[in-house]
Amino acid sequence: KAGFGYDFNEKFGAELRLYTNVIFDDFTPELMVKYNFISNDQFDFYSGLGGVINSLDGIFIPIGFQFRPIESFKQFSIHAEIAPLWDFNDSFIFLGSWGFRYKFKKKFAVKVAD
């Protein structure tokens, strides 16, 4: 999976992901919102709600964590997630993923004058 995420604050975020099968003939997008139940400098534990369309059409509940193992490089994290998915074609499956994440630093901030 490859994705783009945005954190609204320390607790809430959203991700748009894209993945395919092993022969790259069918790309599947998914969108999810998440809530960090535990969030600190080294670890996040989250769950949320998402939807997927294309090869699977349904809703899922992601449950995952990310761990930042290098204290001086907080943008890098190790990630794992499971997600029970109810496919609208009346099947129930578990999705799983693991990998690495890189969070880009904010380059600027917009300040509104008083």
PDB file of N, CA and C in Angstrom:
ATOM      1  N   LYS A   1       0.849  -1.177   0.000  1.00  0.00           N
ATOM      2  CA  LYS A   1       0.000   0.000   0.000  1.00  0.00           C
ATOM      3  C   LYS A   1       0.889   1.233   0.000  1.00  0.00           C
ATOM      4  N   ALA A   2       0.446   2.224  -0.690  1.00  0.00           N
ATOM      5  CA  ALA A   2       1.073   3.541  -0.648  1.00  0.00           C
ATOM      6  C   ALA A   2      -0.030   4.527  -0.306  1.00  0.00           C
ATOM      7  N   GLY A   3       0.299   5.538   0.481  1.00  0.00           N
ATOM      8  CA  GLY A   3      -0.757   6.430   0.893  1.00  0.00           C
ATOM      9  C   GLY A   3      -0.294   7.824   1.220  1.00  0.00           C
ATOM     10  N   PHE A   4      -1.276   8.673   1.400  1.00  0.00           N
ATOM     11  CA  PHE A   4      -1.075  10.049   1.802  1.00  0.00           C
ATOM     12  C   PHE A   4      -1.959  10.274   3.016  1.00  0.00           C
ATOM     13  N   GLY A   5      -1.367  10.782   4.100  1.00  0.00           N
ATOM     14  CA  GLY A   5      -2.129  11.009   5.315  1.00  0.00           C
ATOM     15  C   GLY A   5      -2.047  12.449   5.768  1.00  0.00           C
ATOM     16  N   TYR A   6      -3.035  12.845   6.539  1.00  0.00           N
ATOM     17  CA  TYR A   6      -3.062  14.185   7.111  1.00  0.00           C
ATOM     18  C   TYR A   6      -3.568  14.073   8.542  1.00  0.00           C
ATOM     19  N   ASP A   7      -2.826  14.669   9.479  1.00  0.00           N
ATOM     20  CA  ASP A   7      -3.239  14.701  10.878  1.00  0.00           C
ATOM     21  C   ASP A   7      -3.902  16.044  11.158  1.00  0.00           C
ATOM     22  N   PHE A   8      -5.165  16.016  11.559  1.00  0.00           N
ATOM     23  CA  PHE A   8      -5.874  17.238  11.899  1.00  0.00           C
ATOM     24  C   PHE A   8      -5.362  17.807  13.217  1.00  0.00           C
ATOM     25  N   ASN A   9      -5.029  16.912  14.136  1.00  0.00           N
ATOM     26  CA  ASN A   9      -4.414  17.258  15.416  1.00  0.00           C
ATOM     27  C   ASN A   9      -3.742  15.984  15.934  1.00  0.00           C
ATOM     28  N   GLU A  10      -3.363  15.941  17.203  1.00  0.00           N
ATOM     29  CA  GLU A  10      -2.671  14.748  17.718  1.00  0.00           C
ATOM     30  C   GLU A  10      -3.576  13.525  17.830  1.00  0.00           C
ATOM     31  N   LYS A  11      -4.877  13.709  17.844  1.00  0.00           N
ATOM     32  CA  LYS A  11      -5.804  12.588  18.014  1.00  0.00           C
ATOM     33  C   LYS A  11      -6.468  12.126  16.719  1.00  0.00           C
ATOM     34  N   PHE A  12      -6.804  13.045  15.816  1.00  0.00           N
ATOM     35  CA  PHE A  12      -7.568  12.702  14.614  1.00  0.00           C
ATOM     36  C   PHE A  12      -6.734  12.875  13.348  1.00  0.00           C
ATOM     37  N   GLY A  13      -6.936  11.938  12.411  1.00  0.00           N
ATOM     38  CA  GLY A  13      -6.253  12.014  11.126  1.00  0.00           C
ATOM     39  C   GLY A  13      -7.044  11.278  10.063  1.00  0.00           C
ATOM     40  N   ALA A  14      -6.582  11.392   8.832  1.00  0.00           N
ATOM     41  CA  ALA A  14      -7.208  10.709   7.701  1.00  0.00           C
ATOM     42  C   ALA A  14      -6.117  10.234   6.751  1.00  0.00           C
ATOM     43  N   GLU A  15      -6.409   9.167   6.013  1.00  0.00           N
ATOM     44  CA  GLU A  15      -5.457   8.631   5.047  1.00  0.00           C
ATOM     45  C   GLU A  15      -6.188   8.200   3.785  1.00  0.00           C
ATOM     46  N   LEU A  16      -5.550   8.455   2.655  1.00  0.00           N
ATOM     47  CA  LEU A  16      -5.979   7.949   1.362  1.00  0.00           C
ATOM     48  C   LEU A  16      -4.889   7.000   0.898  1.00  0.00           C
ATOM     49  N   ARG A  17      -5.259   5.757   0.635  1.00  0.00           N
ATOM     50  CA  ARG A  17      -4.281   4.725   0.284  1.00  0.00           C
ATOM     51  C   ARG A  17      -4.635   4.114  -1.062  1.00  0.00           C
ATOM     52  N   LEU A  18      -3.622   3.557  -1.712  1.00  0.00           N
ATOM     53  CA  LEU A  18      -3.791   2.890  -2.990  1.00  0.00           C
ATOM     54  C   LEU A  18      -2.969   1.613  -2.955  1.00  0.00           C
ATOM     55  N   TYR A  19      -3.581   0.514  -3.362  1.00  0.00           N
ATOM     56  CA  TYR A  19      -2.834  -0.742  -3.407  1.00  0.00           C
ATOM     57  C   TYR A  19      -3.300  -1.587  -4.574  1.00  0.00           C
ATOM     58  N   THR A  20      -2.545  -2.648  -4.840  1.00  0.00           N
ATOM     59  CA  THR A  20      -2.822  -3.514  -5.975  1.00  0.00           C
ATOM     60  C   THR A  20      -2.441  -4.942  -5.616  1.00  0.00           C
ATOM     61  N   ASN A  21      -2.680  -5.853  -6.559  1.00  0.00           N
ATOM     62  CA  ASN A  21      -2.250  -7.234  -6.350  1.00  0.00           C
ATOM     63  C   ASN A  21      -0.826  -7.401  -6.884  1.00  0.00           C
ATOM     64  N   VAL A  22      -0.335  -8.607  -6.931  1.00  0.00           N
ATOM     65  CA  VAL A  22       1.072  -8.832  -7.278  1.00  0.00           C
ATOM     66  C   VAL A  22       1.404  -8.578  -8.740  1.00  0.00           C
ATOM     67  N   ILE A  23       0.422  -8.520  -9.626  1.00  0.00           N
ATOM     68  CA  ILE A  23       0.742  -8.283 -11.035  1.00  0.00           C
ATOM     69  C   ILE A  23       0.344  -6.875 -11.499  1.00  0.00           C
ATOM     70  N   PHE A  24      -0.021  -6.013 -10.573  1.00  0.00           N
ATOM     71  CA  PHE A  24      -0.273  -4.599 -10.838  1.00  0.00           C
ATOM     72  C   PHE A  24      -1.316  -4.343 -11.928  1.00  0.00           C
ATOM     73  N   ASP A  25      -2.352  -5.146 -11.978  1.00  0.00           N
ATOM     74  CA  ASP A  25      -3.365  -4.927 -13.011  1.00  0.00           C
ATOM     75  C   ASP A  25      -4.660  -4.309 -12.484  1.00  0.00           C
ATOM     76  N   ASP A  26      -4.759  -4.081 -11.175  1.00  0.00           N
ATOM     77  CA  ASP A  26      -6.015  -3.604 -10.624  1.00  0.00           C
ATOM     78  C   ASP A  26      -5.741  -2.780  -9.368  1.00  0.00           C
ATOM     79  N   PHE A  27      -5.738  -1.458  -9.475  1.00  0.00           N
ATOM     80  CA  PHE A  27      -5.484  -0.598  -8.325  1.00  0.00           C
ATOM     81  C   PHE A  27      -6.762  -0.372  -7.529  1.00  0.00           C
ATOM     82  N   THR A  28      -6.632  -0.412  -6.209  1.00  0.00           N
ATOM     83  CA  THR A  28      -7.771  -0.274  -5.307  1.00  0.00           C
ATOM     84  C   THR A  28      -7.523   0.888  -4.349  1.00  0.00           C
ATOM     85  N   PRO A  29      -8.398   1.906  -4.338  1.00  0.00           N
ATOM     86  CA  PRO A  29      -8.250   3.000  -3.379  1.00  0.00           C
ATOM     87  C   PRO A  29      -9.045   2.728  -2.101  1.00  0.00           C
ATOM     88  N   GLU A  30      -8.527   3.252  -1.001  1.00  0.00           N
ATOM     89  CA  GLU A  30      -9.273   3.210   0.252  1.00  0.00           C
ATOM     90  C   GLU A  30      -9.076   4.533   0.980  1.00  0.00           C
ATOM     91  N   LEU A  31     -10.085   4.926   1.716  1.00  0.00           N
ATOM     92  CA  LEU A  31     -10.070   6.160   2.491  1.00  0.00           C
ATOM     93  C   LEU A  31     -10.468   5.814   3.910  1.00  0.00           C
ATOM     94  N   MET A  32      -9.727   6.375   4.880  1.00  0.00           N
ATOM     95  CA  MET A  32     -10.073   6.093   6.274  1.00  0.00           C
ATOM     96  C   MET A  32      -9.838   7.311   7.143  1.00  0.00           C
ATOM     97  N   VAL A  33     -10.592   7.373   8.228  1.00  0.00           N
ATOM     98  CA  VAL A  33     -10.356   8.341   9.291  1.00  0.00           C
ATOM     99  C   VAL A  33      -9.941   7.544  10.513  1.00  0.00           C
ATOM    100  N   LYS A  34      -9.057   8.142  11.332  1.00  0.00           N
ATOM    101  CA  LYS A  34      -8.544   7.403  12.487  1.00  0.00           C
ATOM    102  C   LYS A  34      -8.514   8.278  13.729  1.00  0.00           C
ATOM    103  N   TYR A  35      -8.530   7.599  14.860  1.00  0.00           N
ATOM    104  CA  TYR A  35      -8.427   8.241  16.165  1.00  0.00           C
ATOM    105  C   TYR A  35      -7.300   7.573  16.933  1.00  0.00           C
ATOM    106  N   ASN A  36      -6.340   8.367  17.418  1.00  0.00           N
ATOM    107  CA  ASN A  36      -5.233   7.843  18.221  1.00  0.00           C
ATOM    108  C   ASN A  36      -5.685   7.707  19.672  1.00  0.00           C
ATOM    109  N   PHE A  37      -5.826   6.483  20.132  1.00  0.00           N
ATOM    110  CA  PHE A  37      -6.190   6.242  21.528  1.00  0.00           C
ATOM    111  C   PHE A  37      -5.003   6.472  22.444  1.00  0.00           C
ATOM    112  N   ILE A  38      -3.829   6.103  21.981  1.00  0.00           N
ATOM    113  CA  ILE A  38      -2.585   6.328  22.714  1.00  0.00           C
ATOM    114  C   ILE A  38      -1.639   7.035  21.759  1.00  0.00           C
ATOM    115  N   SER A  39      -1.087   8.156  22.189  1.00  0.00           N
ATOM    116  CA  SER A  39      -0.158   8.894  21.341  1.00  0.00           C
ATOM    117  C   SER A  39       0.893   9.552  22.219  1.00  0.00           C
ATOM    118  N   ASN A  40       2.154   9.210  21.957  1.00  0.00           N
ATOM    119  CA  ASN A  40       3.255   9.868  22.647  1.00  0.00           C
ATOM    120  C   ASN A  40       4.422  10.017  21.679  1.00  0.00           C
ATOM    121  N   ASP A  41       5.596  10.373  22.165  1.00  0.00           N
ATOM    122  CA  ASP A  41       6.741  10.630  21.285  1.00  0.00           C
ATOM    123  C   ASP A  41       7.206   9.399  20.524  1.00  0.00           C
ATOM    124  N   GLN A  42       6.961   8.205  21.062  1.00  0.00           N
ATOM    125  CA  GLN A  42       7.479   6.997  20.429  1.00  0.00           C
ATOM    126  C   GLN A  42       6.422   6.066  19.850  1.00  0.00           C
ATOM    127  N   PHE A  43       5.170   6.229  20.207  1.00  0.00           N
ATOM    128  CA  PHE A  43       4.186   5.199  19.894  1.00  0.00           C
ATOM    129  C   PHE A  43       2.812   5.810  19.663  1.00  0.00           C
ATOM    130  N   ASP A  44       2.084   5.298  18.687  1.00  0.00           N
ATOM    131  CA  ASP A  44       0.671   5.628  18.474  1.00  0.00           C
ATOM    132  C   ASP A  44      -0.108   4.326  18.343  1.00  0.00           C
ATOM    133  N   PHE A  45      -1.252   4.247  19.006  1.00  0.00           N
ATOM    134  CA  PHE A  45      -2.191   3.139  18.845  1.00  0.00           C
ATOM    135  C   PHE A  45      -3.506   3.754  18.397  1.00  0.00           C
ATOM    136  N   TYR A  46      -4.057   3.270  17.275  1.00  0.00           N
ATOM    137  CA  TYR A  46      -5.219   3.917  16.688  1.00  0.00           C
ATOM    138  C   TYR A  46      -6.241   2.899  16.195  1.00  0.00           C
ATOM    139  N   SER A  47      -7.444   3.416  15.967  1.00  0.00           N
ATOM    140  CA  SER A  47      -8.496   2.687  15.286  1.00  0.00           C
ATOM    141  C   SER A  47      -9.310   3.712  14.511  1.00  0.00           C
ATOM    142  N   GLY A  48     -10.187   3.236  13.652  1.00  0.00           N
ATOM    143  CA  GLY A  48     -10.957   4.179  12.857  1.00  0.00           C
ATOM    144  C   GLY A  48     -12.026   3.494  12.038  1.00  0.00           C
ATOM    145  N   LEU A  49     -12.384   4.135  10.940  1.00  0.00           N
ATOM    146  CA  LEU A  49     -13.403   3.634  10.031  1.00  0.00           C
ATOM    147  C   LEU A  49     -12.999   4.032   8.619  1.00  0.00           C
ATOM    148  N   GLY A  50     -13.170   3.087   7.690  1.00  0.00           N
ATOM    149  CA  GLY A  50     -12.771   3.375   6.319  1.00  0.00           C
ATOM    150  C   GLY A  50     -13.660   2.693   5.307  1.00  0.00           C
ATOM    151  N   GLY A  51     -13.442   3.073   4.061  1.00  0.00           N
ATOM    152  CA  GLY A  51     -14.165   2.475   2.952  1.00  0.00           C
ATOM    153  C   GLY A  51     -13.208   2.146   1.825  1.00  0.00           C
ATOM    154  N   VAL A  52     -13.545   1.102   1.078  1.00  0.00           N
ATOM    155  CA  VAL A  52     -12.706   0.654  -0.029  1.00  0.00           C
ATOM    156  C   VAL A  52     -13.610   0.354  -1.223  1.00  0.00           C
ATOM    157  N   ILE A  53     -13.105   0.661  -2.427  1.00  0.00           N
ATOM    158  CA  ILE A  53     -13.868   0.367  -3.649  1.00  0.00           C
ATOM    159  C   ILE A  53     -12.953  -0.256  -4.688  1.00  0.00           C
ATOM    160  N   ASN A  54     -13.510  -1.020  -5.571  1.00  0.00           N
ATOM    161  CA  ASN A  54     -12.890  -1.628  -6.739  1.00  0.00           C
ATOM    162  C   ASN A  54     -12.884  -3.138  -6.597  1.00  0.00           C
ATOM    163  N   SER A  55     -11.702  -3.771  -6.350  1.00  0.00           N
ATOM    164  CA  SER A  55     -11.703  -5.232  -6.244  1.00  0.00           C
ATOM    165  C   SER A  55     -12.468  -5.696  -5.008  1.00  0.00           C
ATOM    166  N   LEU A  56     -12.482  -4.884  -3.974  1.00  0.00           N
ATOM    167  CA  LEU A  56     -13.336  -5.078  -2.803  1.00  0.00           C
ATOM    168  C   LEU A  56     -14.179  -3.822  -2.667  1.00  0.00           C
ATOM    169  N   ASP A  57     -15.427  -3.976  -2.306  1.00  0.00           N
ATOM    170  CA  ASP A  57     -16.306  -2.834  -2.062  1.00  0.00           C
ATOM    171  C   ASP A  57     -16.893  -3.012  -0.682  1.00  0.00           C
ATOM    172  N   GLY A  58     -16.475  -2.163   0.259  1.00  0.00           N
ATOM    173  CA  GLY A  58     -17.004  -2.335   1.594  1.00  0.00           C
ATOM    174  C   GLY A  58     -16.457  -1.337   2.582  1.00  0.00           C
ATOM    175  N   ILE A  59     -16.713  -1.632   3.854  1.00  0.00           N
ATOM    176  CA  ILE A  59     -16.224  -0.796   4.946  1.00  0.00           C
ATOM    177  C   ILE A  59     -15.322  -1.636   5.839  1.00  0.00           C
ATOM    178  N   PHE A  60     -14.370  -0.963   6.484  1.00  0.00           N
ATOM    179  CA  PHE A  60     -13.441  -1.671   7.355  1.00  0.00           C
ATOM    180  C   PHE A  60     -13.152  -0.854   8.603  1.00  0.00           C
ATOM    181  N   ILE A  61     -12.662  -1.549   9.615  1.00  0.00           N
ATOM    182  CA  ILE A  61     -12.291  -0.928  10.882  1.00  0.00           C
ATOM    183  C   ILE A  61     -10.799  -1.189  11.100  1.00  0.00           C
ATOM    184  N   PRO A  62      -9.945  -0.205  10.788  1.00  0.00           N
ATOM    185  CA  PRO A  62      -8.512  -0.412  10.982  1.00  0.00           C
ATOM    186  C   PRO A  62      -8.135  -0.325  12.459  1.00  0.00           C
ATOM    187  N   ILE A  63      -7.251  -1.214  12.876  1.00  0.00           N
ATOM    188  CA  ILE A  63      -6.693  -1.211  14.230  1.00  0.00           C
ATOM    189  C   ILE A  63      -5.195  -1.369  14.057  1.00  0.00           C
ATOM    190  N   GLY A  64      -4.438  -0.378  14.503  1.00  0.00           N
ATOM    191  CA  GLY A  64      -3.016  -0.459  14.235  1.00  0.00           C
ATOM    192  C   GLY A  64      -2.170   0.354  15.189  1.00  0.00           C
ATOM    193  N   PHE A  65      -0.873   0.270  14.945  1.00  0.00           N
ATOM    194  CA  PHE A  65       0.078   1.050  15.727  1.00  0.00           C
ATOM    195  C   PHE A  65       1.222   1.490  14.832  1.00  0.00           C
ATOM    196  N   GLN A  66       1.896   2.518  15.288  1.00  0.00           N
ATOM    197  CA  GLN A  66       3.159   2.899  14.679  1.00  0.00           C
ATOM    198  C   GLN A  66       4.141   3.219  15.796  1.00  0.00           C
ATOM    199  N   PHE A  67       5.367   2.804  15.585  1.00  0.00           N
ATOM    200  CA  PHE A  67       6.429   2.924  16.576  1.00  0.00           C
ATOM    201  C   PHE A  67       7.585   3.688  15.947  1.00  0.00           C
ATOM    202  N   ARG A  68       8.069   4.710  16.641  1.00  0.00           N
ATOM    203  CA  ARG A  68       9.190   5.507  16.164  1.00  0.00           C
ATOM    204  C   ARG A  68      10.459   5.066  16.897  1.00  0.00           C
ATOM    205  N   PRO A  69      11.261   4.179  16.288  1.00  0.00           N
ATOM    206  CA  PRO A  69      12.394   3.573  16.990  1.00  0.00           C
ATOM    207  C   PRO A  69      13.631   4.461  17.114  1.00  0.00           C
ATOM    208  N   ILE A  70      13.733   5.499  16.306  1.00  0.00           N
ATOM    209  CA  ILE A  70      14.929   6.338  16.320  1.00  0.00           C
ATOM    210  C   ILE A  70      14.562   7.692  16.919  1.00  0.00           C
ATOM    211  N   GLU A  71      15.042   7.939  18.123  1.00  0.00           N
ATOM    212  CA  GLU A  71      14.645   9.132  18.852  1.00  0.00           C
ATOM    213  C   GLU A  71      15.005  10.424  18.124  1.00  0.00           C
ATOM    214  N   SER A  72      16.116  10.438  17.422  1.00  0.00           N
ATOM    215  CA  SER A  72      16.546  11.653  16.727  1.00  0.00           C
ATOM    216  C   SER A  72      15.924  11.788  15.331  1.00  0.00           C
ATOM    217  N   PHE A  73      15.091  10.821  14.926  1.00  0.00           N
ATOM    218  CA  PHE A  73      14.489  10.830  13.587  1.00  0.00           C
ATOM    219  C   PHE A  73      13.016  10.448  13.707  1.00  0.00           C
ATOM    220  N   LYS A  74      12.221  11.345  14.293  1.00  0.00           N
ATOM    221  CA  LYS A  74      10.816  11.065  14.610  1.00  0.00           C
ATOM    222  C   LYS A  74       9.913  10.958  13.382  1.00  0.00           C
ATOM    223  N   GLN A  75      10.390  11.405  12.208  1.00  0.00           N
ATOM    224  CA  GLN A  75       9.565  11.312  11.006  1.00  0.00           C
ATOM    225  C   GLN A  75       9.432   9.874  10.518  1.00  0.00           C
ATOM    226  N   PHE A  76      10.336   8.999  10.922  1.00  0.00           N
ATOM    227  CA  PHE A  76      10.347   7.600  10.495  1.00  0.00           C
ATOM    228  C   PHE A  76       9.644   6.736  11.534  1.00  0.00           C
ATOM    229  N   SER A  77       8.761   5.844  11.083  1.00  0.00           N
ATOM    230  CA  SER A  77       8.103   4.923  12.013  1.00  0.00           C
ATOM    231  C   SER A  77       7.869   3.573  11.347  1.00  0.00           C
ATOM    232  N   ILE A  78       7.722   2.564  12.186  1.00  0.00           N
ATOM    233  CA  ILE A  78       7.357   1.213  11.764  1.00  0.00           C
ATOM    234  C   ILE A  78       5.869   1.051  12.054  1.00  0.00           C
ATOM    235  N   HIS A  79       5.154   0.472  11.122  1.00  0.00           N
ATOM    236  CA  HIS A  79       3.695   0.468  11.163  1.00  0.00           C
ATOM    237  C   HIS A  79       3.167  -0.956  10.983  1.00  0.00           C
ATOM    238  N   ALA A  80       2.095  -1.288  11.702  1.00  0.00           N
ATOM    239  CA  ALA A  80       1.376  -2.552  11.488  1.00  0.00           C
ATOM    240  C   ALA A  80      -0.108  -2.303  11.730  1.00  0.00           C
ATOM    241  N   GLU A  81      -0.941  -2.994  10.945  1.00  0.00           N
ATOM    242  CA  GLU A  81      -2.386  -2.774  11.041  1.00  0.00           C
ATOM    243  C   GLU A  81      -3.143  -4.025  10.620  1.00  0.00           C
ATOM    244  N   ILE A  82      -4.240  -4.301  11.310  1.00  0.00           N
ATOM    245  CA  ILE A  82      -5.216  -5.288  10.858  1.00  0.00           C
ATOM    246  C   ILE A  82      -6.530  -4.540  10.653  1.00  0.00           C
ATOM    247  N   ALA A  83      -7.362  -5.075   9.769  1.00  0.00           N
ATOM    248  CA  ALA A  83      -8.615  -4.388   9.485  1.00  0.00           C
ATOM    249  C   ALA A  83      -9.671  -5.392   9.061  1.00  0.00           C
ATOM    250  N   PRO A  84     -10.614  -5.719   9.945  1.00  0.00           N
ATOM    251  CA  PRO A  84     -11.748  -6.527   9.507  1.00  0.00           C
ATOM    252  C   PRO A  84     -12.560  -5.733   8.487  1.00  0.00           C
ATOM    253  N   LEU A  85     -12.896  -6.384   7.381  1.00  0.00           N
ATOM    254  CA  LEU A  85     -13.604  -5.721   6.286  1.00  0.00           C
ATOM    255  C   LEU A  85     -14.876  -6.487   5.962  1.00  0.00           C
ATOM    256  N   TRP A  86     -15.971  -5.750   5.901  1.00  0.00           N
ATOM    257  CA  TRP A  86     -17.226  -6.320   5.431  1.00  0.00           C
ATOM    258  C   TRP A  86     -17.390  -5.892   3.986  1.00  0.00           C
ATOM    259  N   ASP A  87     -17.241  -6.844   3.072  1.00  0.00           N
ATOM    260  CA  ASP A  87     -17.419  -6.595   1.646  1.00  0.00           C
ATOM    261  C   ASP A  87     -18.916  -6.578   1.362  1.00  0.00           C
ATOM    262  N   PHE A  88     -19.375  -5.614   0.574  1.00  0.00           N
ATOM    263  CA  PHE A  88     -20.802  -5.502   0.268  1.00  0.00           C
ATOM    264  C   PHE A  88     -21.324  -6.692  -0.532  1.00  0.00           C
ATOM    265  N   ASN A  89     -20.444  -7.542  -1.016  1.00  0.00           N
ATOM    266  CA  ASN A  89     -20.856  -8.776  -1.699  1.00  0.00           C
ATOM    267  C   ASN A  89     -21.029  -9.922  -0.710  1.00  0.00           C
ATOM    268  N   ASP A  90     -21.307  -9.576   0.554  1.00  0.00           N
ATOM    269  CA  ASP A  90     -21.615 -10.529   1.622  1.00  0.00           C
ATOM    270  C   ASP A  90     -20.458 -11.430   2.025  1.00  0.00           C
ATOM    271  N   SER A  91     -19.268 -10.908   2.000  1.00  0.00           N
ATOM    272  CA  SER A  91     -18.144 -11.666   2.545  1.00  0.00           C
ATOM    273  C   SER A  91     -17.465 -10.831   3.626  1.00  0.00           C
ATOM    274  N   PHE A  92     -16.789 -11.510   4.518  1.00  0.00           N
ATOM    275  CA  PHE A  92     -16.098 -10.873   5.630  1.00  0.00           C
ATOM    276  C   PHE A  92     -14.660 -11.368   5.605  1.00  0.00           C
ATOM    277  N   ILE A  93     -13.715 -10.446   5.517  1.00  0.00           N
ATOM    278  CA  ILE A  93     -12.306 -10.836   5.462  1.00  0.00           C
ATOM    279  C   ILE A  93     -11.486  -9.932   6.378  1.00  0.00           C
ATOM    280  N   PHE A  94     -10.258 -10.340   6.638  1.00  0.00           N
ATOM    281  CA  PHE A  94      -9.314  -9.523   7.390  1.00  0.00           C
ATOM    282  C   PHE A  94      -8.223  -9.037   6.454  1.00  0.00           C
ATOM    283  N   LEU A  95      -8.017  -7.732   6.438  1.00  0.00           N
ATOM    284  CA  LEU A  95      -6.895  -7.152   5.724  1.00  0.00           C
ATOM    285  C   LEU A  95      -5.766  -6.930   6.721  1.00  0.00           C
ATOM    286  N   GLY A  96      -4.559  -6.972   6.263  1.00  0.00           N
ATOM    287  CA  GLY A  96      -3.416  -6.709   7.123  1.00  0.00           C
ATOM    288  C   GLY A  96      -2.338  -5.983   6.352  1.00  0.00           C
ATOM    289  N   SER A  97      -1.594  -5.158   7.046  1.00  0.00           N
ATOM    290  CA  SER A  97      -0.471  -4.483   6.410  1.00  0.00           C
ATOM    291  C   SER A  97       0.591  -4.189   7.456  1.00  0.00           C
ATOM    292  N   TRP A  98       1.793  -4.027   6.980  1.00  0.00           N
ATOM    293  CA  TRP A  98       2.905  -3.610   7.823  1.00  0.00           C
ATOM    294  C   TRP A  98       3.904  -2.906   6.918  1.00  0.00           C
ATOM    295  N   GLY A  99       4.743  -2.117   7.509  1.00  0.00           N
ATOM    296  CA  GLY A  99       5.718  -1.412   6.687  1.00  0.00           C
ATOM    297  C   GLY A  99       6.329  -0.241   7.412  1.00  0.00           C
ATOM    298  N   PHE A 100       6.735   0.723   6.625  1.00  0.00           N
ATOM    299  CA  PHE A 100       7.428   1.898   7.130  1.00  0.00           C
ATOM    300  C   PHE A 100       6.656   3.146   6.729  1.00  0.00           C
ATOM    301  N   ARG A 101       6.740   4.160   7.582  1.00  0.00           N
ATOM    302  CA  ARG A 101       6.108   5.444   7.288  1.00  0.00           C
ATOM    303  C   ARG A 101       7.154   6.544   7.420  1.00  0.00           C
ATOM    304  N   TYR A 102       6.987   7.551   6.587  1.00  0.00           N
ATOM    305  CA  TYR A 102       7.807   8.751   6.705  1.00  0.00           C
ATOM    306  C   TYR A 102       6.866   9.942   6.728  1.00  0.00           C
ATOM    307  N   LYS A 103       7.011  10.781   7.729  1.00  0.00           N
ATOM    308  CA  LYS A 103       6.159  11.959   7.874  1.00  0.00           C
ATOM    309  C   LYS A 103       6.984  13.189   7.496  1.00  0.00           C
ATOM    310  N   PHE A 104       6.513  13.902   6.473  1.00  0.00           N
ATOM    311  CA  PHE A 104       7.212  15.101   6.028  1.00  0.00           C
ATOM    312  C   PHE A 104       7.009  16.222   7.031  1.00  0.00           C
ATOM    313  N   LYS A 105       8.062  16.995   7.272  1.00  0.00           N
ATOM    314  CA  LYS A 105       7.970  18.126   8.189  1.00  0.00           C
ATOM    315  C   LYS A 105       7.202  19.260   7.532  1.00  0.00           C
ATOM    316  N   LYS A 106       6.554  20.064   8.371  1.00  0.00           N
ATOM    317  CA  LYS A 106       5.901  21.269   7.864  1.00  0.00           C
ATOM    318  C   LYS A 106       6.985  22.293   7.559  1.00  0.00           C
ATOM    319  N   LYS A 107       6.934  22.873   6.376  1.00  0.00           N
ATOM    320  CA  LYS A 107       7.939  23.852   5.965  1.00  0.00           C
ATOM    321  C   LYS A 107       7.557  25.270   6.377  1.00  0.00           C
ATOM    322  N   PHE A 108       6.277  25.524   6.526  1.00  0.00           N
ATOM    323  CA  PHE A 108       5.841  26.874   6.849  1.00  0.00           C
ATOM    324  C   PHE A 108       4.518  26.801   7.584  1.00  0.00           C
ATOM    325  N   ALA A 109       4.163  27.884   8.203  1.00  0.00           N
ATOM    326  CA  ALA A 109       2.872  27.981   8.883  1.00  0.00           C
ATOM    327  C   ALA A 109       2.176  29.246   8.394  1.00  0.00           C
ATOM    328  N   VAL A 110       0.891  29.181   8.277  1.00  0.00           N
ATOM    329  CA  VAL A 110       0.110  30.342   7.863  1.00  0.00           C
ATOM    330  C   VAL A 110      -0.365  31.046   9.118  1.00  0.00           C
ATOM    331  N   LYS A 111      -0.081  32.331   9.212  1.00  0.00           N
ATOM    332  CA  LYS A 111      -0.502  33.103  10.370  1.00  0.00           C
ATOM    333  C   LYS A 111      -1.538  34.120   9.927  1.00  0.00           C
ATOM    334  N   VAL A 112      -2.638  34.148  10.609  1.00  0.00           N
ATOM    335  CA  VAL A 112      -3.706  35.097  10.304  1.00  0.00           C
ATOM    336  C   VAL A 112      -3.534  36.302  11.218  1.00  0.00           C
ATOM    337  N   ALA A 113      -3.512  37.490  10.632  1.00  0.00           N
ATOM    338  CA  ALA A 113      -3.351  38.714  11.424  1.00  0.00           C
ATOM    339  C   ALA A 113      -4.607  38.974  12.245  1.00  0.00           C
ATOM    340  N   ASP A 114      -4.395  39.516  13.427  1.00  0.00           N
ATOM    341  CA  ASP A 114      -5.521  39.857  14.307  1.00  0.00           C
ATOM    342  C   ASP A 114      -6.189  41.126  13.870  1.00  0.00           C
TER     343      ASP A 114
END
